[in-house]
PDB file of N, CA and C in Angstrom:
ATOM      1  N   MET A   1      94.113 178.027  32.571  1.00  0.00           N
ATOM      2  CA  MET A   1      93.623 177.983  31.486  1.00  0.00           C
ATOM      3  C   MET A   1      93.404 176.109  31.062  1.00  0.00           C
ATOM      4  N   LYS A   2      93.185 175.132  31.685  1.00  0.00           N
ATOM      5  CA  LYS A   2      92.331 174.407  31.192  1.00  0.00           C
ATOM      6  C   LYS A   2      90.561 174.377  31.606  1.00  0.00           C
ATOM      7  N   TYR A   3      90.482 174.595  32.040  1.00  0.00           N
ATOM      8  CA  TYR A   3      89.038 174.748  32.518  1.00  0.00           C
ATOM      9  C   TYR A   3      88.396 175.683  31.010  1.00  0.00           C
ATOM     10  N   LYS A   4      89.164 177.023  30.708  1.00  0.00           N
ATOM     11  CA  LYS A   4      89.004 177.680  29.231  1.00  0.00           C
ATOM     12  C   LYS A   4      88.825 177.196  28.273  1.00  0.00           C
ATOM     13  N   ILE A   5      89.506 176.511  28.302  1.00  0.00           N
ATOM     14  CA  ILE A   5      90.067 175.383  26.718  1.00  0.00           C
ATOM     15  C   ILE A   5      88.370 174.479  27.131  1.00  0.00           C
ATOM     16  N   LEU A   6      88.571 174.260  28.245  1.00  0.00           N
ATOM     17  CA  LEU A   6      87.141 172.890  27.981  1.00  0.00           C
ATOM     18  C   LEU A   6      85.843 173.681  27.887  1.00  0.00           C
ATOM     19  N   LEU A   7      85.927 175.250  28.407  1.00  0.00           N
ATOM     20  CA  LEU A   7      84.716 175.548  28.330  1.00  0.00           C
ATOM     21  C   LEU A   7      84.724 176.360  27.238  1.00  0.00           C
ATOM     22  N   LEU A   8      85.227 177.339  26.881  1.00  0.00           N
ATOM     23  CA  LEU A   8      85.840 176.929  24.829  1.00  0.00           C
ATOM     24  C   LEU A   8      84.810 175.647  23.975  1.00  0.00           C
ATOM     25  N   SER A   9      85.547 174.657  24.454  1.00  0.00           N
ATOM     26  CA  SER A   9      85.002 173.690  23.461  1.00  0.00           C
ATOM     27  C   SER A   9      84.257 173.427  23.702  1.00  0.00           C
ATOM     28  N   VAL A  10      82.898 172.887  25.146  1.00  0.00           N
ATOM     29  CA  VAL A  10      81.957 172.844  25.609  1.00  0.00           C
ATOM     30  C   VAL A  10      81.318 173.867  24.367  1.00  0.00           C
ATOM     31  N   MET A  11      81.794 174.884  24.813  1.00  0.00           N
ATOM     32  CA  MET A  11      80.529 175.920  23.796  1.00  0.00           C
ATOM     33  C   MET A  11      80.656 175.798  22.444  1.00  0.00           C
ATOM     34  N   PHE A  12      82.276 175.477  21.636  1.00  0.00           N
ATOM     35  CA  PHE A  12      81.567 175.204  20.296  1.00  0.00           C
ATOM     36  C   PHE A  12      80.963 174.219  20.174  1.00  0.00           C
ATOM     37  N   VAL A  13      80.810 173.277  20.787  1.00  0.00           N
ATOM     38  CA  VAL A  13      80.040 171.961  20.682  1.00  0.00           C
ATOM     39  C   VAL A  13      79.082 172.409  20.475  1.00  0.00           C
ATOM     40  N   PHE A  14      78.390 172.739  21.483  1.00  0.00           N
ATOM     41  CA  PHE A  14      76.904 173.638  20.980  1.00  0.00           C
ATOM     42  C   PHE A  14      75.965 173.900  20.132  1.00  0.00           C
ATOM     43  N   MET A  15      77.160 175.606  20.437  1.00  0.00           N
ATOM     44  CA  MET A  15      76.817 175.852  19.266  1.00  0.00           C
ATOM     45  C   MET A  15      77.094 175.736  17.885  1.00  0.00           C
ATOM     46  N   THR A  16      77.559 174.487  17.182  1.00  0.00           N
ATOM     47  CA  THR A  16      77.877 173.854  16.392  1.00  0.00           C
ATOM     48  C   THR A  16      76.663 173.547  15.840  1.00  0.00           C
ATOM     49  N   GLY A  17      76.300 172.519  16.870  1.00  0.00           N
ATOM     50  CA  GLY A  17      75.273 171.719  16.946  1.00  0.00           C
ATOM     51  C   GLY A  17      75.780 170.563  16.854  1.00  0.00           C
ATOM     52  N   CYS A  18      77.616 170.668  16.550  1.00  0.00           N
ATOM     53  CA  CYS A  18      77.726 168.996  16.469  1.00  0.00           C
ATOM     54  C   CYS A  18      77.455 167.024  16.962  1.00  0.00           C
ATOM     55  N   GLY A  19      76.892 166.494  16.295  1.00  0.00           N
ATOM     56  CA  GLY A  19      76.515 165.615  17.388  1.00  0.00           C
ATOM     57  C   GLY A  19      74.960 166.027  17.031  1.00  0.00           C
ATOM     58  N   LYS A  20      73.766 166.529  16.236  1.00  0.00           N
ATOM     59  CA  LYS A  20      72.289 166.958  17.020  1.00  0.00           C
ATOM     60  C   LYS A  20      71.361 166.229  15.251  1.00  0.00           C
ATOM     61  N   GLU A  21      71.361 165.379  16.580  1.00  0.00           N
ATOM     62  CA  GLU A  21      70.520 164.706  15.246  1.00  0.00           C
ATOM     63  C   GLU A  21      68.889 164.855  15.358  1.00  0.00           C
ATOM     64  N   GLU A  22      68.578 164.828  13.934  1.00  0.00           N
ATOM     65  CA  GLU A  22      67.126 164.812  13.638  1.00  0.00           C
ATOM     66  C   GLU A  22      66.904 163.556  12.569  1.00  0.00           C
ATOM     67  N   THR A  23      65.059 163.585  13.486  1.00  0.00           N
ATOM     68  CA  THR A  23      64.613 162.705  13.297  1.00  0.00           C
ATOM     69  C   THR A  23      63.585 163.547  11.637  1.00  0.00           C
ATOM     70  N   LEU A  24      63.224 162.915  10.780  1.00  0.00           N
ATOM     71  CA  LEU A  24      61.693 162.995   9.668  1.00  0.00           C
ATOM     72  C   LEU A  24      61.075 161.513   9.762  1.00  0.00           C
ATOM     73  N   THR A  25      59.426 161.521   9.264  1.00  0.00           N
ATOM     74  CA  THR A  25      58.928 160.751   9.567  1.00  0.00           C
ATOM     75  C   THR A  25      57.938 162.021   8.217  1.00  0.00           C
ATOM     76  N   CYS A  26      57.962 160.355   6.880  1.00  0.00           N
ATOM     77  CA  CYS A  26      56.848 160.477   6.254  1.00  0.00           C
ATOM     78  C   CYS A  26      56.571 159.521   5.726  1.00  0.00           C
ATOM     79  N   THR A  27      55.349 160.155   5.786  1.00  0.00           N
ATOM     80  CA  THR A  27      54.141 158.306   5.341  1.00  0.00           C
ATOM     81  C   THR A  27      53.391 158.559   4.279  1.00  0.00           C
ATOM     82  N   SER A  28      52.135 157.776   3.478  1.00  0.00           N
ATOM     83  CA  SER A  28      51.549 157.358   2.559  1.00  0.00           C
ATOM     84  C   SER A  28      50.530 156.008   2.924  1.00  0.00           C
ATOM     85  N   GLU A  29      49.537 156.073   2.586  1.00  0.00           N
ATOM     86  CA  GLU A  29      48.645 155.654   2.591  1.00  0.00           C
ATOM     87  C   GLU A  29      48.070 155.852   0.817  1.00  0.00           C
ATOM     88  N   ASN A  30      47.764 154.454   0.439  1.00  0.00           N
ATOM     89  CA  ASN A  30      48.237 153.506  -0.447  1.00  0.00           C
ATOM     90  C   ASN A  30      47.190 152.325  -1.312  1.00  0.00           C
ATOM     91  N   THR A  31      46.530 152.057  -1.813  1.00  0.00           N
ATOM     92  CA  THR A  31      45.693 151.206  -2.196  1.00  0.00           C
ATOM     93  C   THR A  31      46.768 150.483  -3.707  1.00  0.00           C
ATOM     94  N   THR A  32      47.148 149.259  -3.949  1.00  0.00           N
ATOM     95  CA  THR A  32      47.737 149.060  -4.523  1.00  0.00           C
ATOM     96  C   THR A  32      47.075 146.914  -5.477  1.00  0.00           C
ATOM     97  N   GLN A  33      46.725 146.783  -6.134  1.00  0.00           N
ATOM     98  CA  GLN A  33      45.811 146.367  -6.957  1.00  0.00           C
ATOM     99  C   GLN A  33      44.975 145.681  -6.092  1.00  0.00           C
ATOM    100  N   GLY A  34      44.049 146.630  -5.090  1.00  0.00           N
ATOM    101  CA  GLY A  34      43.272 145.961  -4.262  1.00  0.00           C
ATOM    102  C   GLY A  34      43.290 146.103  -3.300  1.00  0.00           C
ATOM    103  N   ALA A  35      44.457 145.955  -2.894  1.00  0.00           N
ATOM    104  CA  ALA A  35      45.358 145.409  -1.314  1.00  0.00           C
ATOM    105  C   ALA A  35      46.068 147.294   0.000  1.00  0.00           C
ATOM    106  N   GLU A  36      45.305 147.582   0.090  1.00  0.00           N
ATOM    107  CA  GLU A  36      45.612 148.619   1.397  1.00  0.00           C
ATOM    108  C   GLU A  36      46.592 147.869   1.908  1.00  0.00           C
ATOM    109  N   PHE A  37      47.171 149.876   2.300  1.00  0.00           N
ATOM    110  CA  PHE A  37      48.299 149.542   3.498  1.00  0.00           C
ATOM    111  C   PHE A  37      48.800 151.196   3.668  1.00  0.00           C
ATOM    112  N   LYS A  38      49.237 151.175   4.106  1.00  0.00           N
ATOM    113  CA  LYS A  38      50.392 152.297   5.389  1.00  0.00           C
ATOM    114  C   LYS A  38      51.518 152.077   5.665  1.00  0.00           C
ATOM    115  N   SER A  39      51.710 153.321   4.786  1.00  0.00           N
ATOM    116  CA  SER A  39      53.871 153.187   5.377  1.00  0.00           C
ATOM    117  C   SER A  39      54.074 154.725   5.759  1.00  0.00           C
ATOM    118  N   VAL A  40      55.516 154.040   6.432  1.00  0.00           N
ATOM    119  CA  VAL A  40      55.833 155.326   7.613  1.00  0.00           C
ATOM    120  C   VAL A  40      56.974 154.691   7.534  1.00  0.00           C
ATOM    121  N   VAL A  41      57.224 155.940   7.760  1.00  0.00           N
ATOM    122  CA  VAL A  41      59.723 155.454   6.581  1.00  0.00           C
ATOM    123  C   VAL A  41      59.719 157.127   7.917  1.00  0.00           C
ATOM    124  N   ASP A  42      60.491 156.588   9.503  1.00  0.00           N
ATOM    125  CA  ASP A  42      61.201 156.727  10.359  1.00  0.00           C
ATOM    126  C   ASP A  42      62.406 157.422   9.924  1.00  0.00           C
ATOM    127  N   ILE A  43      63.124 158.595   9.505  1.00  0.00           N
ATOM    128  CA  ILE A  43      64.760 158.858   8.959  1.00  0.00           C
ATOM    129  C   ILE A  43      65.335 159.677   9.534  1.00  0.00           C
ATOM    130  N   GLU A  44      66.237 159.218  10.416  1.00  0.00           N
ATOM    131  CA  GLU A  44      67.780 159.811  11.145  1.00  0.00           C
ATOM    132  C   GLU A  44      68.098 160.622   9.165  1.00  0.00           C
ATOM    133  N   ILE A  45      68.518 161.882   9.951  1.00  0.00           N
ATOM    134  CA  ILE A  45      69.405 162.569   9.575  1.00  0.00           C
ATOM    135  C   ILE A  45      70.955 163.280  11.048  1.00  0.00           C
ATOM    136  N   LYS A  46      71.651 163.394  10.398  1.00  0.00           N
ATOM    137  CA  LYS A  46      73.074 163.956  11.109  1.00  0.00           C
ATOM    138  C   LYS A  46      73.944 164.388  10.020  1.00  0.00           C
ATOM    139  N   LYS A  47      73.451 165.986  10.172  1.00  0.00           N
ATOM    140  CA  LYS A  47      74.331 166.877   9.265  1.00  0.00           C
ATOM    141  C   LYS A  47      74.849 166.526   8.110  1.00  0.00           C
ATOM    142  N   GLU A  48      73.209 167.146   7.493  1.00  0.00           N
ATOM    143  CA  GLU A  48      72.492 167.308   6.303  1.00  0.00           C
ATOM    144  C   GLU A  48      72.227 165.938   5.528  1.00  0.00           C
ATOM    145  N   MET A  49      73.156 164.769   6.353  1.00  0.00           N
ATOM    146  CA  MET A  49      73.284 163.725   5.095  1.00  0.00           C
ATOM    147  C   MET A  49      71.698 162.422   6.684  1.00  0.00           C
ATOM    148  N   VAL A  50      71.304 161.035   5.521  1.00  0.00           N
ATOM    149  CA  VAL A  50      71.122 160.891   6.246  1.00  0.00           C
ATOM    150  C   VAL A  50      71.122 159.382   6.811  1.00  0.00           C
ATOM    151  N   THR A  51      71.261 159.217   8.294  1.00  0.00           N
ATOM    152  CA  THR A  51      72.234 158.317   8.211  1.00  0.00           C
ATOM    153  C   THR A  51      71.534 156.581   9.139  1.00  0.00           C
ATOM    154  N   ASN A  52      70.278 157.206   8.856  1.00  0.00           N
ATOM    155  CA  ASN A  52      69.040 155.656   8.852  1.00  0.00           C
ATOM    156  C   ASN A  52      67.420 155.386   8.463  1.00  0.00           C
ATOM    157  N   ALA A  53      66.491 154.991   8.330  1.00  0.00           N
ATOM    158  CA  ALA A  53      65.591 155.230   7.731  1.00  0.00           C
ATOM    159  C   ALA A  53      65.049 153.327   7.883  1.00  0.00           C
ATOM    160  N   THR A  54      64.212 153.483   8.806  1.00  0.00           N
ATOM    161  CA  THR A  54      62.703 152.487   8.899  1.00  0.00           C
ATOM    162  C   THR A  54      62.018 152.400   8.134  1.00  0.00           C
ATOM    163  N   ALA A  55      60.967 151.476   6.899  1.00  0.00           N
ATOM    164  CA  ALA A  55      59.851 151.443   7.056  1.00  0.00           C
ATOM    165  C   ALA A  55      58.734 150.610   7.400  1.00  0.00           C
ATOM    166  N   THR A  56      57.601 151.269   7.921  1.00  0.00           N
ATOM    167  CA  THR A  56      56.746 150.331   8.471  1.00  0.00           C
ATOM    168  C   THR A  56      55.464 150.128   7.889  1.00  0.00           C
ATOM    169  N   ILE A  57      55.220 149.310   7.217  1.00  0.00           N
ATOM    170  CA  ILE A  57      53.937 149.492   6.189  1.00  0.00           C
ATOM    171  C   ILE A  57      52.881 148.253   6.722  1.00  0.00           C
ATOM    172  N   THR A  58      52.174 148.040   7.005  1.00  0.00           N
ATOM    173  CA  THR A  58      50.683 147.415   7.328  1.00  0.00           C
ATOM    174  C   THR A  58      49.414 147.720   6.800  1.00  0.00           C
ATOM    175  N   TYR A  59      48.698 146.892   6.510  1.00  0.00           N
ATOM    176  CA  TYR A  59      48.651 145.941   5.285  1.00  0.00           C
ATOM    177  C   TYR A  59      47.172 146.414   6.421  1.00  0.00           C
ATOM    178  N   GLN A  60      45.966 145.752   5.644  1.00  0.00           N
ATOM    179  CA  GLN A  60      44.620 146.052   6.469  1.00  0.00           C
ATOM    180  C   GLN A  60      44.085 144.502   6.427  1.00  0.00           C
ATOM    181  N   ASP A  61      45.179 143.132   4.963  1.00  0.00           N
ATOM    182  CA  ASP A  61      44.835 142.346   5.413  1.00  0.00           C
ATOM    183  C   ASP A  61      46.235 141.035   5.617  1.00  0.00           C
ATOM    184  N   GLU A  62      45.811 140.919   6.074  1.00  0.00           N
ATOM    185  CA  GLU A  62      47.313 139.646   7.314  1.00  0.00           C
ATOM    186  C   GLU A  62      47.387 138.337   6.186  1.00  0.00           C
ATOM    187  N   GLU A  63      46.607 138.545   4.894  1.00  0.00           N
ATOM    188  CA  GLU A  63      47.358 137.460   3.826  1.00  0.00           C
ATOM    189  C   GLU A  63      47.955 137.393   2.969  1.00  0.00           C
ATOM    190  N   VAL A  64      47.840 139.137   2.941  1.00  0.00           N
ATOM    191  CA  VAL A  64      48.088 139.999   1.487  1.00  0.00           C
ATOM    192  C   VAL A  64      50.125 140.727   2.409  1.00  0.00           C
ATOM    193  N   ALA A  65      49.904 141.043   3.707  1.00  0.00           N
ATOM    194  CA  ALA A  65      51.019 141.405   3.866  1.00  0.00           C
ATOM    195  C   ALA A  65      52.004 139.894   4.334  1.00  0.00           C
ATOM    196  N   ASN A  66      51.746 138.649   4.157  1.00  0.00           N
ATOM    197  CA  ASN A  66      53.046 137.585   4.249  1.00  0.00           C
ATOM    198  C   ASN A  66      52.925 137.336   2.737  1.00  0.00           C
ATOM    199  N   LYS A  67      52.376 137.503   1.066  1.00  0.00           N
ATOM    200  CA  LYS A  67      52.513 137.375   0.580  1.00  0.00           C
ATOM    201  C   LYS A  67      53.955 139.062   0.150  1.00  0.00           C
ATOM    202  N   MET A  68      53.735 139.246  -0.111  1.00  0.00           N
ATOM    203  CA  MET A  68      54.368 140.742   0.559  1.00  0.00           C
ATOM    204  C   MET A  68      55.718 141.021   0.771  1.00  0.00           C
ATOM    205  N   CYS A  69      55.885 140.094   2.055  1.00  0.00           N
ATOM    206  CA  CYS A  69      56.584 140.108   2.706  1.00  0.00           C
ATOM    207  C   CYS A  69      57.644 138.982   2.221  1.00  0.00           C
ATOM    208  N   ASN A  70      56.583 137.535   1.949  1.00  0.00           N
ATOM    209  CA  ASN A  70      57.850 137.028   0.515  1.00  0.00           C
ATOM    210  C   ASN A  70      58.245 137.783  -0.892  1.00  0.00           C
ATOM    211  N   VAL A  71      57.777 138.270  -1.294  1.00  0.00           N
ATOM    212  CA  VAL A  71      57.970 139.469  -2.352  1.00  0.00           C
ATOM    213  C   VAL A  71      59.578 139.971  -1.364  1.00  0.00           C
ATOM    214  N   PHE A  72      59.561 140.609  -1.022  1.00  0.00           N
ATOM    215  CA  PHE A  72      60.168 142.006  -0.238  1.00  0.00           C
ATOM    216  C   PHE A  72      61.766 140.897  -0.041  1.00  0.00           C
ATOM    217  N   LYS A  73      61.084 139.941   1.285  1.00  0.00           N
ATOM    218  CA  LYS A  73      62.130 138.898   1.088  1.00  0.00           C
ATOM    219  C   LYS A  73      63.156 138.141  -0.173  1.00  0.00           C
ATOM    220  N   PHE A  74      62.068 137.934  -1.372  1.00  0.00           N
ATOM    221  CA  PHE A  74      63.063 137.137  -2.291  1.00  0.00           C
ATOM    222  C   PHE A  74      63.716 138.788  -2.897  1.00  0.00           C
ATOM    223  N   ALA A  75      63.538 139.921  -3.047  1.00  0.00           N
ATOM    224  CA  ALA A  75      64.039 141.007  -3.455  1.00  0.00           C
ATOM    225  C   ALA A  75      64.826 141.911  -2.727  1.00  0.00           C
ATOM    226  N   GLN A  76      65.125 141.749  -0.941  1.00  0.00           N
ATOM    227  CA  GLN A  76      66.557 141.820  -0.175  1.00  0.00           C
ATOM    228  C   GLN A  76      67.342 142.147  -0.265  1.00  0.00           C
ATOM    229  N   ASP A  77      68.029 143.018   0.107  1.00  0.00           N
ATOM    230  CA  ASP A  77      69.618 142.393  -0.341  1.00  0.00           C
ATOM    231  C   ASP A  77      70.422 142.079   1.162  1.00  0.00           C
ATOM    232  N   SER A  78      72.154 141.738   1.548  1.00  0.00           N
ATOM    233  CA  SER A  78      72.666 141.399   2.807  1.00  0.00           C
ATOM    234  C   SER A  78      72.435 143.026   4.065  1.00  0.00           C
ATOM    235  N   GLU A  79      72.209 143.387   3.266  1.00  0.00           N
ATOM    236  CA  GLU A  79      72.495 144.807   4.664  1.00  0.00           C
ATOM    237  C   GLU A  79      70.936 145.395   5.047  1.00  0.00           C
ATOM    238  N   GLN A  80      69.426 144.929   4.232  1.00  0.00           N
ATOM    239  CA  GLN A  80      68.159 145.201   4.965  1.00  0.00           C
ATOM    240  C   GLN A  80      67.738 144.376   6.043  1.00  0.00           C
ATOM    241  N   ASN A  81      67.016 144.896   6.596  1.00  0.00           N
ATOM    242  CA  ASN A  81      66.607 143.660   7.864  1.00  0.00           C
ATOM    243  C   ASN A  81      65.071 144.131   7.262  1.00  0.00           C
ATOM    244  N   LEU A  82      64.315 142.244   6.737  1.00  0.00           N
ATOM    245  CA  LEU A  82      63.751 142.605   6.979  1.00  0.00           C
ATOM    246  C   LEU A  82      62.994 142.380   7.867  1.00  0.00           C
ATOM    247  N   GLU A  83      61.093 142.306   8.376  1.00  0.00           N
ATOM    248  CA  GLU A  83      60.452 142.044   9.773  1.00  0.00           C
ATOM    249  C   GLU A  83      59.906 141.429   9.385  1.00  0.00           C
ATOM    250  N   CYS A  84      58.516 140.632   9.170  1.00  0.00           N
ATOM    251  CA  CYS A  84      57.220 140.084   9.596  1.00  0.00           C
ATOM    252  C   CYS A  84      56.412 139.609  10.145  1.00  0.00           C
ATOM    253  N   ASN A  85      55.646 140.798  10.559  1.00  0.00           N
ATOM    254  CA  ASN A  85      54.163 140.571  11.983  1.00  0.00           C
ATOM    255  C   ASN A  85      53.420 140.535  11.722  1.00  0.00           C
ATOM    256  N   GLY A  86      52.841 139.578  11.832  1.00  0.00           N
ATOM    257  CA  GLY A  86      51.139 139.738  11.146  1.00  0.00           C
ATOM    258  C   GLY A  86      50.983 140.114   9.973  1.00  0.00           C
ATOM    259  N   LYS A  87      50.140 141.594   9.915  1.00  0.00           N
ATOM    260  CA  LYS A  87      49.287 142.027   8.829  1.00  0.00           C
ATOM    261  C   LYS A  87      50.811 143.057   8.442  1.00  0.00           C
ATOM    262  N   VAL A  88      52.080 143.382   9.545  1.00  0.00           N
ATOM    263  CA  VAL A  88      52.913 145.056   9.542  1.00  0.00           C
ATOM    264  C   VAL A  88      54.494 144.223   9.270  1.00  0.00           C
ATOM    265  N   ILE A  89      54.826 145.190   8.273  1.00  0.00           N
ATOM    266  CA  ILE A  89      56.331 144.871   7.859  1.00  0.00           C
ATOM    267  C   ILE A  89      57.447 145.313   7.941  1.00  0.00           C
ATOM    268  N   THR A  90      57.943 145.389   8.584  1.00  0.00           N
ATOM    269  CA  THR A  90      59.358 146.282   8.893  1.00  0.00           C
ATOM    270  C   THR A  90      60.823 146.040   8.507  1.00  0.00           C
ATOM    271  N   TYR A  91      60.929 147.269   7.865  1.00  0.00           N
ATOM    272  CA  TYR A  91      62.278 147.867   6.325  1.00  0.00           C
ATOM    273  C   TYR A  91      63.280 147.843   6.934  1.00  0.00           C
ATOM    274  N   LYS A  92      64.134 147.823   7.201  1.00  0.00           N
ATOM    275  CA  LYS A  92      65.446 148.435   8.526  1.00  0.00           C
ATOM    276  C   LYS A  92      65.850 148.600   7.292  1.00  0.00           C
ATOM    277  N   ASN A  93      67.377 150.153   7.293  1.00  0.00           N
ATOM    278  CA  ASN A  93      67.617 150.068   6.118  1.00  0.00           C
ATOM    279  C   ASN A  93      67.124 151.151   5.199  1.00  0.00           C
ATOM    280  N   PHE A  94      66.503 151.192   5.174  1.00  0.00           N
ATOM    281  CA  PHE A  94      65.133 151.483   4.191  1.00  0.00           C
ATOM    282  C   PHE A  94      66.014 152.625   3.102  1.00  0.00           C
ATOM    283  N   HIS A  95      66.925 153.382   3.604  1.00  0.00           N
ATOM    284  CA  HIS A  95      66.990 154.495   2.431  1.00  0.00           C
ATOM    285  C   HIS A  95      68.444 153.866   1.345  1.00  0.00           C
ATOM    286  N   LYS A  96      69.112 152.920   2.440  1.00  0.00           N
ATOM    287  CA  LYS A  96      70.025 151.995   1.088  1.00  0.00           C
ATOM    288  C   LYS A  96      68.873 150.962   0.065  1.00  0.00           C
ATOM    289  N   SER A  97      68.537 150.865   0.057  1.00  0.00           N
ATOM    290  CA  SER A  97      67.827 150.432  -0.867  1.00  0.00           C
ATOM    291  C   SER A  97      67.090 151.713  -1.728  1.00  0.00           C
ATOM    292  N   ALA A  98      66.807 152.993  -1.730  1.00  0.00           N
ATOM    293  CA  ALA A  98      66.456 154.259  -1.932  1.00  0.00           C
ATOM    294  C   ALA A  98      67.643 154.613  -3.101  1.00  0.00           C
ATOM    295  N   ASN A  99      68.206 153.907  -2.361  1.00  0.00           N
ATOM    296  CA  ASN A  99      69.991 154.494  -2.941  1.00  0.00           C
ATOM    297  C   ASN A  99      70.366 153.854  -3.192  1.00  0.00           C
ATOM    298  N   SER A 100      71.096 153.399  -5.292  1.00  0.00           N
ATOM    299  CA  SER A 100      72.247 152.990  -4.873  1.00  0.00           C
ATOM    300  C   SER A 100      73.967 153.172  -4.064  1.00  0.00           C
ATOM    301  N   THR A 101      73.523 153.530  -3.275  1.00  0.00           N
ATOM    302  CA  THR A 101      74.496 154.131  -2.711  1.00  0.00           C
ATOM    303  C   THR A 101      74.775 153.847  -1.336  1.00  0.00           C
ATOM    304  N   GLY A 102      73.031 154.103  -0.973  1.00  0.00           N
ATOM    305  CA  GLY A 102      73.363 153.672   0.203  1.00  0.00           C
ATOM    306  C   GLY A 102      73.469 155.230   1.223  1.00  0.00           C
ATOM    307  N   THR A 103      73.790 156.510   0.156  1.00  0.00           N
ATOM    308  CA  THR A 103      73.738 157.253   0.928  1.00  0.00           C
ATOM    309  C   THR A 103      73.627 158.875   0.219  1.00  0.00           C
ATOM    310  N   SER A 104      72.507 159.462   0.909  1.00  0.00           N
ATOM    311  CA  SER A 104      72.216 160.758   0.811  1.00  0.00           C
ATOM    312  C   SER A 104      72.100 162.030   1.435  1.00  0.00           C
ATOM    313  N   THR A 105      71.458 162.440   1.479  1.00  0.00           N
ATOM    314  CA  THR A 105      71.677 163.852   1.687  1.00  0.00           C
ATOM    315  C   THR A 105      69.686 163.692   2.373  1.00  0.00           C
ATOM    316  N   LYS A 106      69.935 164.803   3.502  1.00  0.00           N
ATOM    317  CA  LYS A 106      68.160 164.847   3.967  1.00  0.00           C
ATOM    318  C   LYS A 106      67.362 165.180   3.005  1.00  0.00           C
ATOM    319  N   GLU A 107      67.457 166.531   1.255  1.00  0.00           N
ATOM    320  CA  GLU A 107      67.062 167.019   0.284  1.00  0.00           C
ATOM    321  C   GLU A 107      66.419 165.678  -0.844  1.00  0.00           C
ATOM    322  N   GLU A 108      67.972 165.045  -0.962  1.00  0.00           N
ATOM    323  CA  GLU A 108      67.638 164.754  -1.914  1.00  0.00           C
ATOM    324  C   GLU A 108      66.837 163.008  -1.523  1.00  0.00           C
ATOM    325  N   PHE A 109      67.124 162.279  -0.251  1.00  0.00           N
ATOM    326  CA  PHE A 109      66.140 161.678   0.029  1.00  0.00           C
ATOM    327  C   PHE A 109      64.651 161.839   0.477  1.00  0.00           C
ATOM    328  N   VAL A 110      64.465 163.297   1.221  1.00  0.00           N
ATOM    329  CA  VAL A 110      63.135 164.038   0.448  1.00  0.00           C
ATOM    330  C   VAL A 110      62.399 164.007  -0.566  1.00  0.00           C
ATOM    331  N   GLU A 111      62.519 164.595  -1.451  1.00  0.00           N
ATOM    332  CA  GLU A 111      63.289 164.791  -3.217  1.00  0.00           C
ATOM    333  C   GLU A 111      62.256 162.864  -3.343  1.00  0.00           C
ATOM    334  N   TYR A 112      63.415 161.884  -3.171  1.00  0.00           N
ATOM    335  CA  TYR A 112      62.758 160.744  -3.722  1.00  0.00           C
ATOM    336  C   TYR A 112      61.401 160.220  -2.847  1.00  0.00           C
ATOM    337  N   MET A 113      62.080 161.187  -1.229  1.00  0.00           N
ATOM    338  CA  MET A 113      59.698 159.936  -1.255  1.00  0.00           C
ATOM    339  C   MET A 113      58.235 160.578  -0.918  1.00  0.00           C
ATOM    340  N   LYS A 114      58.480 161.968  -1.758  1.00  0.00           N
ATOM    341  CA  LYS A 114      57.929 162.956  -2.480  1.00  0.00           C
ATOM    342  C   LYS A 114      57.625 162.604  -3.442  1.00  0.00           C
ATOM    343  N   ASN A 115      58.307 162.026  -4.788  1.00  0.00           N
ATOM    344  CA  ASN A 115      58.281 161.575  -6.154  1.00  0.00           C
ATOM    345  C   ASN A 115      57.202 160.177  -5.899  1.00  0.00           C
ATOM    346  N   ASN A 116      57.437 159.218  -4.697  1.00  0.00           N
ATOM    347  CA  ASN A 116      57.043 158.529  -4.723  1.00  0.00           C
ATOM    348  C   ASN A 116      55.487 158.113  -3.797  1.00  0.00           C
ATOM    349  N   GLY A 117      55.283 159.060  -3.420  1.00  0.00           N
ATOM    350  CA  GLY A 117      53.740 160.170  -2.960  1.00  0.00           C
ATOM    351  C   GLY A 117      53.538 159.637  -1.406  1.00  0.00           C
ATOM    352  N   TYR A 118      54.538 160.098  -0.476  1.00  0.00           N
ATOM    353  CA  TYR A 118      54.925 160.301   0.317  1.00  0.00           C
ATOM    354  C   TYR A 118      54.920 161.754   0.766  1.00  0.00           C
ATOM    355  N   ILE A 119      54.009 161.665   1.985  1.00  0.00           N
ATOM    356  CA  ILE A 119      54.450 162.865   2.510  1.00  0.00           C
ATOM    357  C   ILE A 119      55.357 163.445   4.295  1.00  0.00           C
ATOM    358  N   CYS A 120      56.583 163.840   3.585  1.00  0.00           N
ATOM    359  CA  CYS A 120      57.238 163.749   4.989  1.00  0.00           C
ATOM    360  C   CYS A 120      56.897 165.579   5.827  1.00  0.00           C
ATOM    361  N   GLU A 121      57.554 165.112   7.248  1.00  0.00           N
ATOM    362  CA  GLU A 121      57.011 166.337   7.922  1.00  0.00           C
ATOM    363  C   GLU A 121      58.815 165.850   8.602  1.00  0.00           C
TER     364      GLU A 121
END
């Protein structure tokens, strides 16, 4: 009897996708005030909710990247983790800055990204 219950439990988990995570990537290439950069946002989704998003912004010019890093650092809050390394800025917990509550459904977040010029796949 124990084995039947265990087997049914395992089957339930596999059939419902419990714990299944999805990853989505959104990209954008822009020029702002003469500064060229590429943004890649990796989004983790579980049960149709965004659980994490990390933005990686790569600038063509390292001096511009350093200036932008300082701007981002000035504007960041305590839950966001910003790392600057040469031409690359990594912005962890990006999803929390995209929504004031820090929570979004997959559909809401993808819509937000598309409205800001990103292509999501």
